[in-house]
Amino acid sequence: MPSSETQSVLTDPTATAASRSDLITAVPTPFLADGSLNVPGTKRLFTALAARDIDGAFVAGTTGEFTTLEDDERLAVLEAGLEAFGAERAYLHVGAAHTRHAVKLTRAAVALGARKLAAITPYYFPAPLDAVVDYFRQVVDAAGGAAVYAYLFTARTWTVFPHDALGRLAEVGVTGVKISGESDESVSAYLANAPAGFEVLSGNDIAYGELVAAGGQGIISGVSSVFPQPFLNLRGALRAGDADGVSAAKEDVARAVGLVRAGSLTHLKAGLELQGLPAGPVRAGVEPISDDDRAAIARELERWNK
């Protein structure tokens, strides 16, 4: 997400207990040193993350490097997610650059037992609204009754989804949206245009408290894969209506987000490895982590593990 500020233009949390404040962890995908998929490591990592008191896991999304996975690898990761988190906690990402591929992955995920699916919009070629709506109509049809969440990430896909068009997604059976890469003002506009019962989830770790207070249903957080406790503390304070607890937890969340550079894949994987969890290299071509950043993450992990 573009913002790393602790203040947000979304509504500030109050002492009123939140009705929904889901913490869904976006899980990385472990690879071996040669870049091949580490299937045993994936199962071990997912099992460890599933033991935490999180509400769900977002599997094979951006944090899971889905764009680098071949179909057989992706399905192996999705199956591992189902095994570890169960069908009610596993949000399996089946999105693709075009409809035919997304429908193929959707059918395969449902055959594995998926009940919650997410699909990024078509990408690389910016898709017009009618094409996006038809893409999700076909994914919903292929989902066979499983919930489908639209993954909106204009910064990575080039596909713009208008704020006032969420109703069109609801009309074709989409359950909700995950919004990434948008400003707080943009997220507020999506919230204002969400139909009744339509879920709005955000990928902006740092705005968790504000999003929930503004009517969103929860966060999909890559940072929580490394630093779960700040997010668990914030969720607890939100659900208890504890304004002081929310304020304190938000500071810890902001610190965690800063240490992993708002979800840098190399920083997240370094944080997992420092805890003895499988992670391996990043398959995508990204900037490596510095020794100073790795040491800073190690110090923060030691602080939380005391």
Protein backbone atom coordinates (compact mmCIF):
# COMPACT_ATOMS: atom_id res chain seq x y z
CA MET A 1 0.00 0.00 0.00
CA PRO A 2 1.19 3.54 -0.70
CA SER A 3 0.58 4.96 2.74
CA SER A 4 2.71 4.20 5.78
CA GLU A 5 1.28 6.94 7.97
CA THR A 6 -0.33 6.08 11.28
CA GLN A 7 -3.10 8.61 10.68
CA SER A 8 -5.88 7.90 8.22
CA VAL A 9 -8.72 9.82 6.64
CA LEU A 10 -10.97 6.85 7.35
CA THR A 11 -13.12 7.18 10.45
CA ASP A 12 -11.05 6.94 13.64
CA PRO A 13 -11.78 3.98 15.94
CA THR A 14 -13.98 4.71 18.93
CA ALA A 15 -14.86 2.75 22.04
CA THR A 16 -17.74 1.08 20.21
CA ALA A 17 -17.06 -2.62 19.70
CA ALA A 18 -16.66 -3.63 16.06
CA SER A 19 -19.14 -6.15 14.66
CA ARG A 20 -16.57 -7.50 12.15
CA SER A 21 -12.83 -7.09 12.38
CA ASP A 22 -11.40 -10.13 10.62
CA LEU A 23 -7.66 -10.70 10.59
CA ILE A 24 -6.79 -12.67 7.46
CA THR A 25 -3.10 -13.39 6.93
CA ALA A 26 -1.72 -13.24 3.38
CA VAL A 27 0.67 -16.18 3.36
CA PRO A 28 3.99 -16.36 1.46
CA THR A 29 4.88 -19.38 -0.67
CA PRO A 30 8.15 -21.15 0.28
CA PHE A 31 10.67 -22.05 -2.43
CA LEU A 32 13.87 -24.08 -2.32
CA ALA A 33 17.30 -22.59 -2.96
CA ASP A 34 17.09 -23.54 -6.64
CA GLY A 35 13.77 -21.71 -6.98
CA SER A 36 11.57 -24.81 -7.12
CA LEU A 37 8.39 -25.01 -5.05
CA ASN A 38 8.99 -26.35 -1.55
CA VAL A 39 5.84 -28.42 -1.06
CA PRO A 40 6.79 -29.91 2.34
CA GLY A 41 7.91 -26.45 3.47
CA THR A 42 4.67 -24.92 2.29
CA LYS A 43 2.69 -27.43 4.32
CA ARG A 44 4.89 -26.83 7.37
CA LEU A 45 4.61 -23.05 7.11
CA PHE A 46 0.85 -23.12 6.62
CA THR A 47 0.40 -25.50 9.55
CA ALA A 48 2.39 -23.15 11.79
CA LEU A 49 0.39 -20.10 10.68
CA ALA A 50 -2.90 -21.96 11.04
CA ALA A 51 -2.13 -22.57 14.72
CA ARG A 52 -2.41 -18.83 15.33
CA ASP A 53 -5.71 -17.28 16.32
CA ILE A 54 -6.33 -15.72 12.90
CA ASP A 55 -9.65 -15.59 11.10
CA GLY A 56 -8.33 -16.82 7.80
CA ALA A 57 -5.49 -17.04 5.30
CA PHE A 58 -5.20 -15.59 1.81
CA VAL A 59 -3.40 -18.27 -0.20
CA ALA A 60 -1.47 -17.79 -3.47
CA GLY A 61 -2.14 -14.09 -3.69
CA THR A 62 0.37 -11.32 -4.32
CA THR A 63 2.27 -12.18 -1.13
CA GLY A 64 2.16 -15.82 -2.28
CA GLU A 65 3.80 -14.87 -5.61
CA PHE A 66 0.96 -16.31 -7.68
CA THR A 67 2.25 -14.74 -10.89
CA THR A 68 5.38 -16.93 -10.68
CA LEU A 69 3.53 -20.21 -10.09
CA GLU A 70 2.76 -22.76 -12.78
CA ASP A 71 -0.76 -24.19 -12.58
CA ASP A 72 0.28 -27.49 -10.99
CA GLU A 73 2.34 -25.59 -8.41
CA ARG A 74 -0.47 -23.21 -7.68
CA LEU A 75 -2.94 -26.00 -7.12
CA ALA A 76 -0.47 -27.72 -4.79
CA VAL A 77 -0.24 -24.49 -2.77
CA LEU A 78 -4.04 -24.11 -2.72
CA GLU A 79 -4.44 -27.71 -1.57
CA ALA A 80 -1.91 -27.15 1.20
CA GLY A 81 -3.87 -24.06 2.24
CA LEU A 82 -7.09 -26.04 2.46
CA GLU A 83 -5.44 -28.80 4.47
CA ALA A 84 -3.91 -26.39 6.97
CA PHE A 85 -6.60 -23.74 7.37
CA GLY A 86 -9.76 -25.64 6.49
CA ALA A 87 -12.37 -24.64 3.95
CA GLU A 88 -13.89 -21.89 6.13
CA ARG A 89 -10.58 -20.12 6.82
CA ALA A 90 -8.82 -20.59 3.48
CA TYR A 91 -9.33 -17.83 0.90
CA LEU A 92 -7.88 -19.40 -2.23
CA HIS A 93 -6.76 -17.03 -4.95
CA VAL A 94 -7.69 -18.22 -8.45
CA GLY A 95 -7.42 -14.97 -10.38
CA ALA A 96 -5.63 -14.79 -13.72
CA ALA A 97 -4.92 -12.45 -16.61
CA HIS A 98 -7.89 -13.73 -18.59
CA THR A 99 -11.26 -15.34 -17.94
CA ARG A 100 -10.58 -18.79 -19.37
CA HIS A 101 -7.60 -19.32 -17.07
CA ALA A 102 -9.41 -18.00 -13.99
CA VAL A 103 -12.39 -20.28 -14.66
CA LYS A 104 -10.07 -23.28 -15.05
CA LEU A 105 -8.37 -22.53 -11.73
CA THR A 106 -11.72 -21.90 -10.04
CA ARG A 107 -13.08 -25.29 -11.05
CA ALA A 108 -9.90 -27.00 -9.90
CA ALA A 109 -9.99 -25.23 -6.52
CA VAL A 110 -13.63 -26.15 -5.99
CA ALA A 111 -12.81 -29.76 -6.81
CA LEU A 112 -10.25 -29.63 -4.00
CA GLY A 113 -12.98 -28.50 -1.60
CA ALA A 114 -12.66 -24.70 -1.65
CA ARG A 115 -15.54 -22.69 -0.19
CA LYS A 116 -13.97 -19.23 -0.32
CA LEU A 117 -12.26 -17.96 -3.43
CA ALA A 118 -10.66 -14.71 -4.50
CA ALA A 119 -9.82 -13.57 -8.01
CA ILE A 120 -7.79 -10.58 -9.06
CA THR A 121 -9.24 -8.62 -11.96
CA PRO A 122 -7.91 -9.30 -15.46
CA TYR A 123 -4.46 -7.74 -15.73
CA TYR A 124 -1.67 -6.55 -18.01
CA PHE A 125 -4.25 -5.32 -20.54
CA PRO A 126 -6.55 -2.85 -18.74
CA ALA A 127 -10.03 -4.36 -18.86
CA PRO A 128 -13.17 -2.21 -19.28
CA LEU A 129 -15.95 -2.47 -16.72
CA ASP A 130 -18.22 -4.75 -18.75
CA ALA A 131 -15.36 -7.19 -19.34
CA VAL A 132 -14.50 -7.23 -15.62
CA VAL A 133 -18.10 -7.89 -14.63
CA ASP A 134 -18.37 -10.72 -17.16
CA TYR A 135 -15.08 -12.19 -15.90
CA PHE A 136 -16.49 -12.35 -12.36
CA ARG A 137 -19.83 -13.66 -13.60
CA GLN A 138 -18.04 -16.62 -15.15
CA VAL A 139 -15.86 -17.18 -12.09
CA VAL A 140 -18.96 -17.15 -9.85
CA ASP A 141 -20.70 -19.63 -12.17
CA ALA A 142 -17.67 -21.93 -12.04
CA ALA A 143 -17.45 -21.61 -8.25
CA GLY A 144 -20.55 -23.75 -7.72
CA GLY A 145 -21.81 -21.87 -4.68
CA ALA A 146 -18.42 -21.05 -3.12
CA ALA A 147 -18.04 -17.43 -2.07
CA VAL A 148 -16.09 -15.29 -4.54
CA TYR A 149 -14.21 -12.12 -3.61
CA ALA A 150 -13.04 -9.66 -6.26
CA TYR A 151 -9.43 -8.59 -5.78
CA LEU A 152 -8.99 -4.97 -6.90
CA PHE A 153 -5.37 -3.86 -7.37
CA THR A 154 -5.15 -1.20 -10.06
CA ALA A 155 -1.48 -0.44 -9.38
CA ARG A 156 -0.49 -3.98 -10.39
CA THR A 157 -3.19 -4.83 -12.95
CA TRP A 158 -3.86 -1.56 -14.80
CA THR A 159 -7.55 -2.40 -14.54
CA VAL A 160 -9.55 0.38 -12.88
CA PHE A 161 -12.76 -0.57 -11.10
CA PRO A 162 -15.09 2.41 -10.50
CA HIS A 163 -16.15 3.09 -6.91
CA ASP A 164 -19.82 3.22 -7.86
CA ALA A 165 -19.81 -0.14 -9.68
CA LEU A 166 -19.64 -2.52 -6.70
CA GLY A 167 -23.36 -3.16 -7.13
CA ARG A 168 -22.65 -4.74 -10.51
CA LEU A 169 -20.36 -7.25 -8.83
CA ALA A 170 -23.02 -8.04 -6.26
CA GLU A 171 -25.54 -8.57 -9.06
CA VAL A 172 -23.44 -11.39 -10.58
CA GLY A 173 -22.98 -13.06 -7.18
CA VAL A 174 -19.67 -11.69 -5.90
CA THR A 175 -19.55 -11.74 -2.08
CA GLY A 176 -17.13 -8.87 -1.51
CA VAL A 177 -13.87 -7.21 -2.47
CA LYS A 178 -10.26 -7.11 -1.36
CA ILE A 179 -8.83 -3.65 -2.09
CA SER A 180 -5.07 -3.13 -2.41
CA GLY A 181 -2.91 -0.21 -3.48
CA GLU A 182 -5.61 2.44 -2.98
CA SER A 183 -5.52 5.61 -0.91
CA ASP A 184 -7.64 5.92 2.21
CA GLU A 185 -9.90 8.31 0.29
CA SER A 186 -10.44 5.70 -2.40
CA VAL A 187 -11.19 2.95 0.14
CA SER A 188 -13.68 5.30 1.81
CA ALA A 189 -15.41 5.76 -1.55
CA TYR A 190 -15.66 2.01 -2.06
CA LEU A 191 -17.14 1.64 1.43
CA ALA A 192 -19.69 4.34 0.70
CA ASN A 193 -20.78 2.52 -2.46
CA ALA A 194 -20.86 -1.03 -1.07
CA PRO A 195 -24.31 -2.65 -1.31
CA ALA A 196 -25.91 -3.97 1.87
CA GLY A 197 -24.24 -7.20 2.94
CA PHE A 198 -21.32 -6.75 0.56
CA GLU A 199 -17.97 -7.33 2.30
CA VAL A 200 -15.08 -4.87 2.00
CA LEU A 201 -11.63 -6.16 2.96
CA SER A 202 -8.42 -4.15 2.64
CA GLY A 203 -4.82 -5.09 1.99
CA ASN A 204 -3.54 -1.97 3.76
CA ASP A 205 -2.13 -3.37 7.00
CA ILE A 206 -1.66 0.00 8.63
CA ALA A 207 -5.29 1.11 8.23
CA TYR A 208 -6.80 -1.97 9.93
CA GLY A 209 -8.40 -0.08 12.81
CA GLU A 210 -9.71 2.76 10.69
CA LEU A 211 -11.15 0.43 8.07
CA VAL A 212 -13.12 -1.57 10.62
CA ALA A 213 -14.41 1.56 12.33
CA ALA A 214 -15.53 2.89 8.94
CA GLY A 215 -17.59 -0.24 8.25
CA GLY A 216 -15.13 -2.59 6.57
CA GLN A 217 -15.07 -6.24 7.53
CA GLY A 218 -11.35 -6.76 8.02
CA ILE A 219 -7.79 -6.77 6.80
CA ILE A 220 -5.81 -9.14 4.59
CA SER A 221 -2.34 -8.67 5.98
CA GLY A 222 0.97 -9.94 4.71
CA VAL A 223 2.82 -8.30 7.61
CA SER A 224 0.87 -10.42 10.11
CA SER A 225 2.58 -13.53 8.71
CA VAL A 226 5.76 -12.30 10.41
CA PHE A 227 4.40 -10.16 13.25
CA PRO A 228 0.98 -11.60 14.21
CA GLN A 229 0.74 -10.29 17.75
CA PRO A 230 0.33 -6.56 17.02
CA PHE A 231 -2.56 -7.38 14.72
CA LEU A 232 -4.11 -9.84 17.16
CA ASN A 233 -3.86 -7.20 19.88
CA LEU A 234 -5.53 -4.64 17.63
CA ARG A 235 -8.30 -7.06 16.70
CA GLY A 236 -8.91 -7.82 20.37
CA ALA A 237 -9.11 -4.13 21.24
CA LEU A 238 -11.46 -3.44 18.32
CA ARG A 239 -13.78 -6.25 19.35
CA ALA A 240 -13.74 -5.13 22.98
CA GLY A 241 -14.37 -1.50 22.09
CA ASP A 242 -11.17 -0.58 23.95
CA ALA A 243 -10.10 2.79 22.50
CA ASP A 244 -6.87 2.95 24.53
CA GLY A 245 -5.98 -0.58 23.48
CA VAL A 246 -6.67 0.30 19.84
CA SER A 247 -4.36 3.30 20.05
CA ALA A 248 -1.52 1.29 21.61
CA ALA A 249 -1.89 -1.61 19.20
CA LYS A 250 -1.93 0.72 16.19
CA GLU A 251 1.53 1.97 17.15
CA ASP A 252 2.86 -1.59 17.21
CA VAL A 253 1.22 -2.35 13.87
CA ALA A 254 2.80 0.74 12.32
CA ARG A 255 6.20 -0.29 13.64
CA ALA A 256 5.84 -3.81 12.21
CA VAL A 257 4.71 -2.47 8.83
CA GLY A 258 7.73 -0.18 8.69
CA LEU A 259 10.20 -2.93 9.56
CA VAL A 260 9.08 -5.14 6.68
CA ARG A 261 8.78 -2.21 4.29
CA ALA A 262 4.98 -2.49 4.08
CA GLY A 263 5.10 -6.14 3.01
CA SER A 264 8.26 -6.48 0.90
CA LEU A 265 8.50 -10.14 -0.09
CA THR A 266 12.18 -10.37 0.80
CA HIS A 267 11.52 -8.79 4.20
CA LEU A 268 8.58 -11.08 4.93
CA LYS A 269 10.55 -14.19 4.00
CA ALA A 270 13.51 -13.05 6.07
CA GLY A 271 11.18 -12.58 9.04
CA LEU A 272 9.81 -16.10 8.65
CA GLU A 273 13.25 -17.66 8.34
CA LEU A 274 14.40 -15.82 11.47
CA GLN A 275 11.62 -17.72 13.28
CA GLY A 276 12.77 -21.06 11.89
CA LEU A 277 9.93 -21.28 9.39
CA PRO A 278 10.30 -22.30 5.73
CA ALA A 279 10.42 -19.41 3.29
CA GLY A 280 13.37 -19.63 0.92
CA PRO A 281 14.15 -17.16 -1.84
CA VAL A 282 11.72 -14.87 -3.61
CA ARG A 283 11.08 -16.25 -7.08
CA ALA A 284 10.09 -12.87 -8.51
CA GLY A 285 12.84 -10.42 -9.43
CA VAL A 286 12.74 -8.02 -6.47
CA GLU A 287 15.17 -5.98 -4.39
CA PRO A 288 17.04 -8.08 -1.78
CA ILE A 289 16.86 -7.26 1.91
CA SER A 290 19.78 -5.42 3.49
CA ASP A 291 21.73 -6.78 6.45
CA ASP A 292 20.58 -3.80 8.52
CA ASP A 293 16.91 -4.48 7.78
CA ARG A 294 17.30 -8.18 8.59
CA ALA A 295 18.93 -7.29 11.92
CA ALA A 296 16.13 -4.82 12.73
CA ILE A 297 13.48 -7.49 12.09
CA ALA A 298 15.41 -9.93 14.29
CA ARG A 299 15.46 -7.41 17.15
CA GLU A 300 11.73 -6.80 16.87
CA LEU A 301 10.99 -10.53 16.84
CA GLU A 302 13.10 -10.93 19.96
CA ARG A 303 11.08 -8.16 21.60
CA TRP A 304 7.80 -9.92 20.89
CA ASN A 305 9.11 -13.33 21.91
CA LYS A 306 10.30 -12.27 25.36
